[in-house]
Amino acid sequence: MRASRQHRGYWAFLGHRLSGLVLGLFLPVHFYVLGLALEGAESLDGFLRLADMPAFQWGEWALVVLLSIHLCFGLRLLVDRKST
């Protein structure tokens, strides 16, 4: 069991799984904002003013990085599975 954690595929699996879990936590927030857009322009504008804060902008960059990590590790796992 311990030797398998040294394999590069394990680290790809772990990165893919953790980034997927964090992205999954983001989905309710995304659906909430979509719901605000359906409620009307005023409620969406209020959220967009909040989203202009630097902390939210850092969070958007973190989201893009997580999506990239998830994609790259997922592709790595697919390539590794095809070669075995």
Protein backbone atom coordinates (compact mmCIF):
# COMPACT_ATOMS: atom_id res chain seq x y z
CA MET A 1 0.00 0.00 0.00
CA ARG A 2 2.79 2.43 0.85
CA ALA A 3 4.68 1.89 -2.42
CA SER A 4 1.62 2.86 -4.48
CA ARG A 5 1.69 6.39 -3.02
CA GLN A 6 5.06 6.99 -4.67
CA HIS A 7 3.59 6.37 -8.12
CA ARG A 8 2.96 9.49 -10.24
CA GLY A 9 -0.52 8.25 -11.06
CA TYR A 10 -1.45 8.41 -7.38
CA TRP A 11 -0.57 12.10 -7.22
CA ALA A 12 -2.56 12.76 -10.39
CA PHE A 13 -5.51 10.94 -8.84
CA LEU A 14 -5.19 12.89 -5.59
CA GLY A 15 -4.92 16.27 -7.35
CA HIS A 16 -7.86 15.43 -9.60
CA ARG A 17 -10.00 14.28 -6.68
CA LEU A 18 -9.22 17.27 -4.41
CA SER A 19 -9.70 19.86 -7.14
CA GLY A 20 -12.97 18.17 -8.09
CA LEU A 21 -14.22 18.34 -4.51
CA VAL A 22 -13.39 22.05 -4.23
CA LEU A 23 -15.04 22.73 -7.59
CA GLY A 24 -18.07 20.82 -6.35
CA LEU A 25 -18.27 23.17 -3.37
CA PHE A 26 -18.33 26.10 -5.79
CA LEU A 27 -21.41 24.84 -7.66
CA PRO A 28 -24.04 25.92 -5.07
CA VAL A 29 -22.59 29.44 -5.16
CA HIS A 30 -22.78 29.43 -8.94
CA PHE A 31 -26.41 28.29 -8.89
CA TYR A 32 -27.23 30.94 -6.29
CA VAL A 33 -25.86 33.67 -8.54
CA LEU A 34 -27.81 32.28 -11.49
CA GLY A 35 -30.91 32.41 -9.31
CA LEU A 36 -30.18 36.05 -8.51
CA ALA A 37 -30.05 36.77 -12.22
CA LEU A 38 -33.52 35.25 -12.59
CA GLU A 39 -34.91 37.32 -9.72
CA GLY A 40 -34.11 40.62 -11.35
CA ALA A 41 -31.44 43.10 -12.23
CA GLU A 42 -31.31 44.75 -8.79
CA SER A 43 -30.35 41.62 -6.87
CA LEU A 44 -27.79 40.61 -9.50
CA ASP A 45 -26.29 44.11 -9.53
CA GLY A 46 -25.92 43.95 -5.76
CA PHE A 47 -23.97 40.73 -6.03
CA LEU A 48 -21.86 42.05 -8.88
CA ARG A 49 -20.86 45.04 -6.75
CA LEU A 50 -19.77 42.58 -4.08
CA ALA A 51 -17.91 40.53 -6.69
CA ASP A 52 -15.86 43.59 -7.65
CA MET A 53 -13.92 43.28 -4.40
CA PRO A 54 -10.29 42.05 -4.68
CA ALA A 55 -11.01 38.94 -2.60
CA PHE A 56 -13.59 37.80 -5.15
CA GLN A 57 -11.21 38.51 -8.01
CA TRP A 58 -8.55 36.37 -6.34
CA GLY A 59 -11.20 33.70 -5.92
CA GLU A 60 -11.98 33.81 -9.63
CA TRP A 61 -8.30 33.25 -10.42
CA ALA A 62 -8.23 30.38 -7.94
CA LEU A 63 -11.25 28.90 -9.70
CA VAL A 64 -9.50 29.07 -13.07
CA VAL A 65 -6.40 27.44 -11.57
CA LEU A 66 -8.51 24.67 -10.00
CA LEU A 67 -10.26 24.03 -13.31
CA SER A 68 -6.88 23.81 -15.04
CA ILE A 69 -5.51 21.43 -12.42
CA HIS A 70 -8.62 19.29 -12.65
CA LEU A 71 -8.39 19.14 -16.44
CA CYS A 72 -4.66 18.37 -16.55
CA PHE A 73 -4.77 15.68 -13.88
CA GLY A 74 -7.87 14.16 -15.47
CA LEU A 75 -6.10 13.95 -18.82
CA ARG A 76 -3.05 12.49 -17.09
CA LEU A 77 -5.20 9.79 -15.55
CA LEU A 78 -6.81 8.99 -18.90
CA VAL A 79 -3.44 8.68 -20.62
CA ASP A 80 -2.09 6.52 -17.79
CA ARG A 81 -5.14 4.25 -17.94
CA LYS A 82 -4.82 3.79 -21.71
CA SER A 83 -1.16 2.79 -21.47
CA THR A 84 -1.73 0.02 -18.90
